[in-house]
């Protein structure tokens, strides 16, 4: 892991209180809302976290922030899988009831995993606000972190950053 391997960095990591002090941060790289998605027209209706706790299966990316949070919120119906895309695919195929997905990556995931976006619908249940960062090994020199932060800040002021977000992250709604 980036926490235990010197000279490593990992893109894109959700910054959380549990991770503070374990890595050095550069960012934010983006921000998004994480919502529960379900198969379009599937019953029961999901309007609250309590509704979501009662479904058979909620697919989550193993080890991701949404799995950690939902476990803390008392969810006992979680099914960890390799990625958010796999979780979304399980919902689209009817093998799971719900999956938490960041709004900003939804369109990229349905393209990558060849999911019909019309087969899914966002529920009104927002799980959390996610802020992405680049995580560096804790031994990374502060000057290196400062250079990366300055480079990211410059990129974010450019048209190139807007294009990258538009092409790879922003939902085309």
N, C-alpha and C. Protein backbone atom coordinates (compact mmCIF):
# COMPACT_ATOMS: atom_id res chain seq x y z
N UNK A 1 0.83 -1.19 0.00
CA UNK A 1 0.00 0.00 0.00
C UNK A 1 0.87 1.25 0.00
N UNK A 2 0.26 2.33 -0.39
CA UNK A 2 0.99 3.60 -0.43
C UNK A 2 1.46 4.01 0.97
N UNK A 3 0.74 3.60 1.99
CA UNK A 3 1.14 3.95 3.36
C UNK A 3 2.44 3.26 3.78
N UNK A 4 2.71 2.08 3.23
CA UNK A 4 3.86 1.30 3.69
C UNK A 4 4.97 1.14 2.66
N UNK A 5 4.79 1.66 1.46
CA UNK A 5 5.81 1.51 0.42
C UNK A 5 6.42 2.87 0.11
N UNK A 6 7.67 3.07 0.45
CA UNK A 6 8.32 4.36 0.19
C UNK A 6 8.33 4.71 -1.29
N UNK A 7 8.20 6.01 -1.57
CA UNK A 7 8.31 6.49 -2.94
C UNK A 7 7.14 6.17 -3.84
N UNK A 8 5.97 5.94 -3.28
CA UNK A 8 4.79 5.61 -4.08
C UNK A 8 3.72 6.68 -3.95
N UNK A 9 2.86 6.72 -4.97
CA UNK A 9 1.70 7.61 -4.96
C UNK A 9 0.51 6.84 -5.52
N UNK A 10 -0.68 7.24 -5.12
CA UNK A 10 -1.90 6.58 -5.58
C UNK A 10 -2.92 7.65 -5.95
N UNK A 11 -3.43 7.55 -7.17
CA UNK A 11 -4.48 8.44 -7.66
C UNK A 11 -5.69 7.55 -7.85
N UNK A 12 -6.69 7.80 -7.37
CA UNK A 12 -7.41 8.89 -6.82
C UNK A 12 -8.00 8.36 -5.52
N UNK A 13 -7.72 8.99 -4.42
CA UNK A 13 -8.07 8.48 -3.10
C UNK A 13 -9.01 9.46 -2.41
N UNK A 14 -10.07 8.92 -1.83
CA UNK A 14 -10.98 9.76 -1.04
C UNK A 14 -10.32 10.06 0.30
N UNK A 15 -10.22 11.30 0.61
CA UNK A 15 -9.62 11.71 1.88
C UNK A 15 -10.65 11.52 2.99
N UNK A 16 -10.24 10.86 4.05
CA UNK A 16 -11.15 10.58 5.15
C UNK A 16 -10.41 10.73 6.47
N UNK A 17 -11.16 10.93 7.56
CA UNK A 17 -10.51 11.07 8.87
C UNK A 17 -9.63 9.86 9.22
N UNK A 18 -10.06 8.66 8.81
CA UNK A 18 -9.29 7.45 9.11
C UNK A 18 -7.93 7.45 8.42
N UNK A 19 -7.83 8.13 7.30
CA UNK A 19 -6.58 8.12 6.52
C UNK A 19 -5.66 9.28 6.86
N UNK A 20 -6.17 10.27 7.60
CA UNK A 20 -5.33 11.41 7.96
C UNK A 20 -4.10 10.94 8.71
N UNK A 21 -2.96 11.49 8.36
CA UNK A 21 -1.72 11.14 9.04
C UNK A 21 -1.05 9.88 8.52
N UNK A 22 -1.73 9.14 7.62
CA UNK A 22 -1.14 7.90 7.10
C UNK A 22 -0.45 8.11 5.77
N UNK A 23 -0.76 9.22 5.09
CA UNK A 23 -0.16 9.56 3.79
C UNK A 23 0.00 11.08 3.72
N UNK A 24 0.66 11.54 2.67
CA UNK A 24 0.72 12.98 2.38
C UNK A 24 -0.24 13.23 1.21
N UNK A 25 -0.94 14.35 1.27
CA UNK A 25 -2.03 14.62 0.32
C UNK A 25 -1.67 15.72 -0.67
N UNK A 26 -2.13 15.53 -1.92
CA UNK A 26 -2.11 16.57 -2.95
C UNK A 26 -3.52 16.61 -3.52
N UNK A 27 -4.11 17.81 -3.55
CA UNK A 27 -5.46 17.89 -4.09
C UNK A 27 -6.19 19.10 -3.53
N UNK A 28 -7.49 19.13 -3.71
CA UNK A 28 -8.29 18.04 -4.26
C UNK A 28 -8.20 17.95 -5.78
N UNK A 29 -8.38 16.72 -6.27
CA UNK A 29 -8.39 16.49 -7.71
C UNK A 29 -9.80 16.67 -8.27
N UNK A 30 -10.82 16.34 -7.47
CA UNK A 30 -12.22 16.55 -7.87
C UNK A 30 -13.11 16.39 -6.64
N UNK A 31 -14.38 16.76 -6.80
CA UNK A 31 -15.39 16.57 -5.77
C UNK A 31 -16.64 15.99 -6.42
N UNK A 32 -17.35 15.14 -5.68
CA UNK A 32 -18.57 14.54 -6.21
C UNK A 32 -19.49 14.12 -5.07
N UNK A 33 -20.74 13.92 -5.40
CA UNK A 33 -21.71 13.35 -4.47
C UNK A 33 -21.81 11.86 -4.78
N UNK A 34 -21.89 11.04 -3.74
CA UNK A 34 -22.04 9.59 -3.90
C UNK A 34 -23.48 9.23 -3.56
N UNK A 35 -24.16 8.61 -4.53
CA UNK A 35 -25.58 8.26 -4.40
C UNK A 35 -25.74 6.75 -4.50
N UNK A 36 -26.85 6.24 -3.98
CA UNK A 36 -27.21 4.85 -4.22
C UNK A 36 -27.94 4.76 -5.54
N UNK A 37 -27.53 3.82 -6.37
CA UNK A 37 -28.19 3.54 -7.65
C UNK A 37 -28.87 2.20 -7.57
N UNK A 38 -30.00 2.08 -8.28
CA UNK A 38 -30.73 0.82 -8.33
C UNK A 38 -31.14 0.54 -9.77
N UNK A 39 -31.62 -0.66 -10.00
CA UNK A 39 -32.13 -1.03 -11.32
C UNK A 39 -33.44 -0.26 -11.53
N UNK A 40 -33.58 0.34 -12.72
CA UNK A 40 -34.76 1.15 -13.01
C UNK A 40 -36.04 0.33 -12.82
N UNK A 41 -36.95 0.90 -12.05
CA UNK A 41 -38.24 0.27 -11.81
C UNK A 41 -38.24 -0.82 -10.76
N UNK A 42 -37.08 -1.15 -10.21
CA UNK A 42 -37.01 -2.22 -9.21
C UNK A 42 -37.73 -1.81 -7.93
N UNK A 43 -38.34 -2.78 -7.31
CA UNK A 43 -39.02 -2.56 -6.03
C UNK A 43 -38.22 -3.25 -4.94
N UNK A 44 -38.25 -2.79 -3.73
CA UNK A 44 -39.06 -1.68 -3.25
C UNK A 44 -38.44 -0.33 -3.59
N UNK A 45 -39.23 0.71 -3.43
CA UNK A 45 -38.71 2.06 -3.61
C UNK A 45 -37.69 2.33 -2.51
N UNK A 46 -36.61 2.99 -2.88
CA UNK A 46 -35.55 3.32 -1.92
C UNK A 46 -35.57 4.83 -1.73
N UNK A 47 -35.97 5.27 -0.54
CA UNK A 47 -36.05 6.70 -0.25
C UNK A 47 -35.16 7.12 0.92
N UNK A 48 -34.75 6.13 1.74
CA UNK A 48 -33.97 6.43 2.94
C UNK A 48 -32.88 5.38 3.14
N UNK A 49 -31.95 5.69 4.03
CA UNK A 49 -30.94 4.69 4.40
C UNK A 49 -31.59 3.46 5.02
N UNK A 50 -32.66 3.66 5.79
CA UNK A 50 -33.36 2.50 6.37
C UNK A 50 -33.92 1.60 5.29
N UNK A 51 -34.48 2.19 4.22
CA UNK A 51 -34.94 1.37 3.09
C UNK A 51 -33.79 0.56 2.52
N UNK A 52 -32.64 1.19 2.38
CA UNK A 52 -31.47 0.52 1.80
C UNK A 52 -30.95 -0.60 2.71
N UNK A 53 -31.07 -0.43 4.01
CA UNK A 53 -30.64 -1.48 4.94
C UNK A 53 -31.48 -2.74 4.81
N UNK A 54 -32.71 -2.60 4.30
CA UNK A 54 -33.64 -3.73 4.23
C UNK A 54 -33.56 -4.52 2.93
N UNK A 55 -32.82 -4.03 1.93
CA UNK A 55 -32.73 -4.80 0.69
C UNK A 55 -31.81 -6.00 0.91
N UNK A 56 -31.86 -6.94 -0.02
CA UNK A 56 -31.08 -8.16 0.10
C UNK A 56 -29.59 -7.91 -0.02
N UNK A 57 -29.19 -7.09 -1.02
CA UNK A 57 -27.77 -7.01 -1.34
C UNK A 57 -27.39 -5.62 -1.84
N UNK A 58 -26.40 -5.01 -1.17
CA UNK A 58 -25.82 -3.74 -1.61
C UNK A 58 -24.38 -4.03 -2.01
N UNK A 59 -24.08 -3.87 -3.29
CA UNK A 59 -22.73 -4.12 -3.80
C UNK A 59 -21.88 -2.88 -3.60
N UNK A 60 -20.69 -3.06 -3.03
CA UNK A 60 -19.78 -1.95 -2.76
C UNK A 60 -18.38 -2.32 -3.23
N UNK A 61 -17.58 -1.31 -3.54
CA UNK A 61 -16.18 -1.55 -3.87
C UNK A 61 -15.45 -1.91 -2.58
N UNK A 62 -14.82 -3.07 -2.60
CA UNK A 62 -14.14 -3.56 -1.40
C UNK A 62 -13.10 -2.57 -0.90
N UNK A 63 -13.20 -2.23 0.38
CA UNK A 63 -12.23 -1.36 1.01
C UNK A 63 -12.41 0.12 0.75
N UNK A 64 -13.36 0.48 -0.09
CA UNK A 64 -13.57 1.89 -0.43
C UNK A 64 -14.31 2.61 0.70
N UNK A 65 -14.30 3.93 0.62
CA UNK A 65 -14.93 4.75 1.65
C UNK A 65 -16.40 4.45 1.84
N UNK A 66 -17.11 4.12 0.76
CA UNK A 66 -18.53 3.83 0.91
C UNK A 66 -18.76 2.54 1.70
N UNK A 67 -17.91 1.53 1.50
CA UNK A 67 -18.06 0.30 2.29
C UNK A 67 -17.83 0.60 3.78
N UNK A 68 -16.78 1.33 4.07
CA UNK A 68 -16.45 1.67 5.46
C UNK A 68 -17.60 2.44 6.11
N UNK A 69 -18.10 3.46 5.41
CA UNK A 69 -19.18 4.28 5.96
C UNK A 69 -20.45 3.47 6.17
N UNK A 70 -20.85 2.69 5.16
CA UNK A 70 -22.09 1.92 5.28
C UNK A 70 -22.00 0.89 6.41
N UNK A 71 -20.84 0.29 6.60
CA UNK A 71 -20.67 -0.64 7.74
C UNK A 71 -20.85 0.12 9.06
N UNK A 72 -20.27 1.32 9.15
CA UNK A 72 -20.43 2.13 10.36
C UNK A 72 -21.89 2.50 10.60
N UNK A 73 -22.65 2.63 9.50
CA UNK A 73 -24.06 2.98 9.60
C UNK A 73 -24.95 1.76 9.85
N UNK A 74 -24.34 0.61 10.09
CA UNK A 74 -25.10 -0.57 10.46
C UNK A 74 -25.57 -1.45 9.32
N UNK A 75 -25.03 -1.26 8.13
CA UNK A 75 -25.43 -2.11 7.01
C UNK A 75 -24.83 -3.50 7.19
N UNK A 76 -25.69 -4.53 7.11
CA UNK A 76 -25.25 -5.92 7.23
C UNK A 76 -25.44 -6.67 5.91
N UNK A 77 -25.86 -5.95 4.89
CA UNK A 77 -26.18 -6.57 3.60
C UNK A 77 -25.20 -6.18 2.50
N UNK A 78 -23.96 -5.87 2.88
CA UNK A 78 -22.97 -5.43 1.90
C UNK A 78 -22.29 -6.61 1.24
N UNK A 79 -22.06 -6.47 -0.06
CA UNK A 79 -21.35 -7.49 -0.83
C UNK A 79 -20.18 -6.80 -1.52
N UNK A 80 -18.97 -6.90 -0.96
CA UNK A 80 -17.81 -6.23 -1.56
C UNK A 80 -17.37 -6.88 -2.87
N UNK A 81 -17.09 -6.04 -3.87
CA UNK A 81 -16.58 -6.49 -5.17
C UNK A 81 -15.37 -5.65 -5.54
N UNK A 82 -14.75 -5.96 -6.68
CA UNK A 82 -13.47 -5.35 -7.08
C UNK A 82 -13.52 -3.85 -7.31
N UNK A 83 -14.63 -3.34 -7.84
CA UNK A 83 -14.68 -1.93 -8.22
C UNK A 83 -16.11 -1.42 -8.21
N UNK A 84 -16.24 -0.10 -8.27
CA UNK A 84 -17.57 0.51 -8.38
C UNK A 84 -18.25 0.09 -9.67
N UNK A 85 -17.47 -0.07 -10.73
CA UNK A 85 -18.03 -0.52 -12.00
C UNK A 85 -18.62 -1.91 -11.91
N UNK A 86 -17.92 -2.80 -11.22
CA UNK A 86 -18.45 -4.15 -11.02
C UNK A 86 -19.73 -4.11 -10.19
N UNK A 87 -19.75 -3.26 -9.17
CA UNK A 87 -20.95 -3.13 -8.34
C UNK A 87 -22.13 -2.64 -9.17
N UNK A 88 -21.91 -1.64 -9.99
CA UNK A 88 -22.97 -1.10 -10.85
C UNK A 88 -23.46 -2.15 -11.84
N UNK A 89 -22.54 -2.93 -12.38
CA UNK A 89 -22.90 -4.00 -13.32
C UNK A 89 -23.79 -5.04 -12.63
N UNK A 90 -23.46 -5.38 -11.38
CA UNK A 90 -24.27 -6.34 -10.63
C UNK A 90 -25.70 -5.83 -10.45
N UNK A 91 -25.84 -4.54 -10.21
CA UNK A 91 -27.18 -3.96 -10.08
C UNK A 91 -27.90 -4.01 -11.43
N UNK A 92 -27.22 -3.62 -12.50
CA UNK A 92 -27.85 -3.61 -13.83
C UNK A 92 -28.31 -5.01 -14.24
N UNK A 93 -27.56 -6.03 -13.82
CA UNK A 93 -27.91 -7.42 -14.16
C UNK A 93 -28.93 -8.03 -13.20
N UNK A 94 -29.33 -7.27 -12.17
CA UNK A 94 -30.30 -7.77 -11.21
C UNK A 94 -29.72 -8.70 -10.17
N UNK A 95 -28.40 -8.74 -10.04
CA UNK A 95 -27.74 -9.62 -9.06
C UNK A 95 -27.52 -8.92 -7.72
N UNK A 96 -27.74 -7.63 -7.69
CA UNK A 96 -27.67 -6.84 -6.46
C UNK A 96 -28.76 -5.78 -6.54
N UNK A 97 -29.16 -5.29 -5.39
CA UNK A 97 -30.24 -4.30 -5.35
C UNK A 97 -29.76 -2.87 -5.49
N UNK A 98 -28.62 -2.56 -4.88
CA UNK A 98 -28.12 -1.19 -4.84
C UNK A 98 -26.60 -1.17 -4.96
N UNK A 99 -26.09 -0.01 -5.42
CA UNK A 99 -24.64 0.22 -5.42
C UNK A 99 -24.40 1.72 -5.24
N UNK A 100 -23.48 2.10 -4.36
CA UNK A 100 -23.11 3.51 -4.23
C UNK A 100 -22.10 3.89 -5.31
N UNK A 101 -22.35 5.00 -6.00
CA UNK A 101 -21.46 5.44 -7.07
C UNK A 101 -21.38 6.96 -7.06
N UNK A 102 -20.18 7.46 -7.25
CA UNK A 102 -19.98 8.89 -7.36
C UNK A 102 -20.61 9.41 -8.64
N UNK A 103 -21.38 10.47 -8.50
CA UNK A 103 -22.09 11.05 -9.64
C UNK A 103 -21.14 11.41 -10.78
N UNK A 104 -19.97 11.89 -10.42
CA UNK A 104 -19.03 12.38 -11.43
C UNK A 104 -18.44 11.24 -12.29
N UNK A 105 -18.45 10.00 -11.78
CA UNK A 105 -17.86 8.89 -12.54
C UNK A 105 -18.91 7.95 -13.13
N UNK A 106 -20.18 8.22 -12.90
CA UNK A 106 -21.24 7.32 -13.37
C UNK A 106 -21.14 7.04 -14.86
N UNK A 107 -21.09 8.09 -15.67
CA UNK A 107 -21.06 7.89 -17.12
C UNK A 107 -19.82 7.14 -17.59
N UNK A 108 -18.68 7.44 -16.99
CA UNK A 108 -17.45 6.72 -17.36
C UNK A 108 -17.58 5.24 -17.02
N UNK A 109 -18.19 4.92 -15.88
CA UNK A 109 -18.35 3.52 -15.49
C UNK A 109 -19.30 2.77 -16.41
N UNK A 110 -20.42 3.40 -16.77
CA UNK A 110 -21.35 2.68 -17.65
C UNK A 110 -20.73 2.45 -19.03
N UNK A 111 -19.90 3.39 -19.48
CA UNK A 111 -19.19 3.17 -20.75
C UNK A 111 -18.19 2.04 -20.62
N UNK A 112 -17.34 2.11 -19.59
CA UNK A 112 -16.27 1.13 -19.42
C UNK A 112 -16.82 -0.28 -19.22
N UNK A 113 -17.91 -0.42 -18.48
CA UNK A 113 -18.46 -1.73 -18.17
C UNK A 113 -19.61 -2.13 -19.10
N UNK A 114 -19.83 -1.33 -20.13
CA UNK A 114 -20.86 -1.61 -21.14
C UNK A 114 -22.23 -1.87 -20.49
N UNK A 115 -22.62 -0.92 -19.67
CA UNK A 115 -23.90 -0.97 -18.98
C UNK A 115 -24.84 0.01 -19.65
N UNK A 116 -26.07 -0.41 -19.89
CA UNK A 116 -27.08 0.50 -20.43
C UNK A 116 -27.47 1.48 -19.31
N UNK A 117 -27.14 2.77 -19.46
CA UNK A 117 -27.46 3.71 -18.38
C UNK A 117 -28.95 3.82 -18.11
N UNK A 118 -29.78 3.51 -19.11
CA UNK A 118 -31.23 3.56 -18.90
C UNK A 118 -31.73 2.41 -18.04
N UNK A 119 -30.87 1.41 -17.80
CA UNK A 119 -31.25 0.28 -16.94
C UNK A 119 -31.13 0.64 -15.46
N UNK A 120 -30.53 1.80 -15.18
CA UNK A 120 -30.27 2.20 -13.80
C UNK A 120 -30.94 3.52 -13.48
N UNK A 121 -31.19 3.74 -12.20
CA UNK A 121 -31.67 5.05 -11.77
C UNK A 121 -31.05 5.40 -10.42
N UNK A 122 -30.80 6.69 -10.28
CA UNK A 122 -30.26 7.19 -9.02
C UNK A 122 -31.40 7.30 -8.02
N UNK A 123 -31.19 6.79 -6.83
CA UNK A 123 -32.19 6.95 -5.77
C UNK A 123 -32.00 8.33 -5.13
N UNK A 124 -32.93 8.77 -4.30
CA UNK A 124 -32.74 10.04 -3.61
C UNK A 124 -31.83 9.95 -2.39
N UNK A 125 -31.17 8.80 -2.22
CA UNK A 125 -30.33 8.60 -1.04
C UNK A 125 -28.88 8.95 -1.36
N UNK A 126 -28.44 10.10 -0.82
CA UNK A 126 -27.05 10.53 -0.96
C UNK A 126 -26.28 9.95 0.21
N UNK A 127 -25.18 9.25 -0.11
CA UNK A 127 -24.38 8.62 0.93
C UNK A 127 -23.41 9.63 1.55
N UNK A 128 -22.66 10.33 0.71
CA UNK A 128 -21.72 11.33 1.23
C UNK A 128 -21.16 12.16 0.09
N UNK A 129 -20.47 13.21 0.48
CA UNK A 129 -19.75 14.09 -0.44
C UNK A 129 -18.31 13.58 -0.46
N UNK A 130 -17.80 13.25 -1.64
CA UNK A 130 -16.45 12.69 -1.76
C UNK A 130 -15.51 13.71 -2.39
N UNK A 131 -14.32 13.78 -1.83
CA UNK A 131 -13.29 14.67 -2.36
C UNK A 131 -12.07 13.81 -2.66
N UNK A 132 -11.62 13.82 -3.92
CA UNK A 132 -10.50 12.99 -4.33
C UNK A 132 -9.16 13.69 -4.21
N UNK A 133 -8.15 12.92 -3.90
CA UNK A 133 -6.78 13.42 -3.73
C UNK A 133 -5.79 12.42 -4.32
N UNK A 134 -4.56 12.87 -4.49
CA UNK A 134 -3.44 11.98 -4.77
C UNK A 134 -2.78 11.73 -3.42
N UNK A 135 -2.63 10.45 -3.07
CA UNK A 135 -2.01 10.08 -1.80
C UNK A 135 -0.56 9.66 -2.06
N UNK A 136 0.35 10.24 -1.32
CA UNK A 136 1.78 9.92 -1.43
C UNK A 136 2.24 9.20 -0.16
N UNK A 137 3.26 8.38 -0.31
CA UNK A 137 3.86 7.70 0.84
C UNK A 137 4.20 8.73 1.91
N UNK A 138 4.06 8.35 3.18
CA UNK A 138 4.31 9.31 4.25
C UNK A 138 5.75 9.82 4.30
N UNK A 139 6.68 9.10 3.69
CA UNK A 139 8.09 9.53 3.70
C UNK A 139 8.42 10.51 2.58
N UNK A 140 7.43 10.85 1.75
CA UNK A 140 7.67 11.76 0.63
C UNK A 140 8.09 13.13 1.14
N UNK A 141 9.13 13.65 0.53
CA UNK A 141 9.70 14.95 0.92
C UNK A 141 8.64 16.05 0.78
N UNK A 142 8.51 16.92 1.77
CA UNK A 142 7.53 18.02 1.70
C UNK A 142 7.72 18.91 0.47
N UNK A 143 8.96 19.08 0.00
CA UNK A 143 9.18 19.88 -1.21
C UNK A 143 8.56 19.21 -2.43
N UNK A 144 8.64 17.89 -2.50
CA UNK A 144 8.01 17.15 -3.60
C UNK A 144 6.49 17.34 -3.55
N UNK A 145 5.92 17.24 -2.37
CA UNK A 145 4.48 17.45 -2.21
C UNK A 145 4.10 18.86 -2.66
N UNK A 146 4.89 19.84 -2.29
CA UNK A 146 4.61 21.24 -2.67
C UNK A 146 4.67 21.41 -4.18
N UNK A 147 5.64 20.77 -4.84
CA UNK A 147 5.74 20.87 -6.31
C UNK A 147 4.53 20.22 -6.98
N UNK A 148 4.12 19.05 -6.49
CA UNK A 148 2.95 18.39 -7.05
C UNK A 148 1.69 19.24 -6.84
N UNK A 149 1.55 19.82 -5.65
CA UNK A 149 0.38 20.65 -5.37
C UNK A 149 0.36 21.87 -6.29
N UNK A 150 1.51 22.49 -6.49
CA UNK A 150 1.59 23.66 -7.38
C UNK A 150 1.25 23.27 -8.81
N UNK A 151 1.74 22.11 -9.25
CA UNK A 151 1.44 21.64 -10.61
C UNK A 151 -0.05 21.35 -10.77
N UNK A 152 -0.65 20.71 -9.77
CA UNK A 152 -2.09 20.44 -9.84
C UNK A 152 -2.88 21.74 -9.84
N UNK A 153 -2.51 22.67 -8.98
CA UNK A 153 -3.21 23.95 -8.94
C UNK A 153 -3.14 24.67 -10.28
N UNK A 154 -1.97 24.63 -10.92
CA UNK A 154 -1.81 25.26 -12.24
C UNK A 154 -2.67 24.54 -13.28
N UNK A 155 -2.68 23.21 -13.23
CA UNK A 155 -3.50 22.43 -14.17
C UNK A 155 -4.97 22.77 -13.99
N UNK A 156 -5.42 22.89 -12.76
CA UNK A 156 -6.83 23.17 -12.49
C UNK A 156 -7.27 24.54 -13.00
N UNK A 157 -6.33 25.46 -13.17
CA UNK A 157 -6.66 26.79 -13.72
C UNK A 157 -6.69 26.78 -15.24
N UNK A 158 -6.31 25.68 -15.85
CA UNK A 158 -6.17 25.62 -17.31
C UNK A 158 -7.40 25.01 -17.99
N UNK A 159 -7.47 25.24 -19.27
CA UNK A 159 -8.51 24.62 -20.09
C UNK A 159 -8.31 23.10 -20.16
N UNK A 160 -7.07 22.66 -20.07
CA UNK A 160 -6.78 21.22 -20.13
C UNK A 160 -7.48 20.47 -19.00
N UNK A 161 -7.46 21.03 -17.81
CA UNK A 161 -8.13 20.40 -16.67
C UNK A 161 -9.63 20.28 -16.95
N UNK A 162 -10.23 21.36 -17.44
CA UNK A 162 -11.65 21.32 -17.76
C UNK A 162 -11.95 20.24 -18.79
N UNK A 163 -11.06 20.10 -19.78
CA UNK A 163 -11.24 19.07 -20.81
C UNK A 163 -11.11 17.67 -20.20
N UNK A 164 -10.14 17.46 -19.33
CA UNK A 164 -9.96 16.16 -18.68
C UNK A 164 -11.19 15.79 -17.85
N UNK A 165 -11.68 16.73 -17.09
CA UNK A 165 -12.88 16.48 -16.28
C UNK A 165 -14.06 16.17 -17.18
N UNK A 166 -14.23 16.97 -18.23
CA UNK A 166 -15.34 16.76 -19.15
C UNK A 166 -15.25 15.39 -19.83
N UNK A 167 -14.04 15.01 -20.28
CA UNK A 167 -13.86 13.77 -21.03
C UNK A 167 -13.90 12.52 -20.16
N UNK A 168 -13.44 12.62 -18.92
CA UNK A 168 -13.27 11.41 -18.12
C UNK A 168 -14.10 11.34 -16.85
N UNK A 169 -14.62 12.46 -16.39
CA UNK A 169 -15.32 12.43 -15.12
C UNK A 169 -16.74 12.95 -15.15
N UNK A 170 -16.99 14.03 -15.86
CA UNK A 170 -18.28 14.68 -15.76
C UNK A 170 -19.39 13.89 -16.43
N UNK A 171 -20.49 13.68 -15.71
CA UNK A 171 -21.63 13.01 -16.33
C UNK A 171 -22.17 13.83 -17.50
N UNK A 172 -22.47 13.16 -18.58
CA UNK A 172 -23.06 13.82 -19.76
C UNK A 172 -24.57 13.73 -19.63
N UNK A 173 -25.16 14.66 -18.92
CA UNK A 173 -26.62 14.63 -18.69
C UNK A 173 -27.30 15.70 -19.50
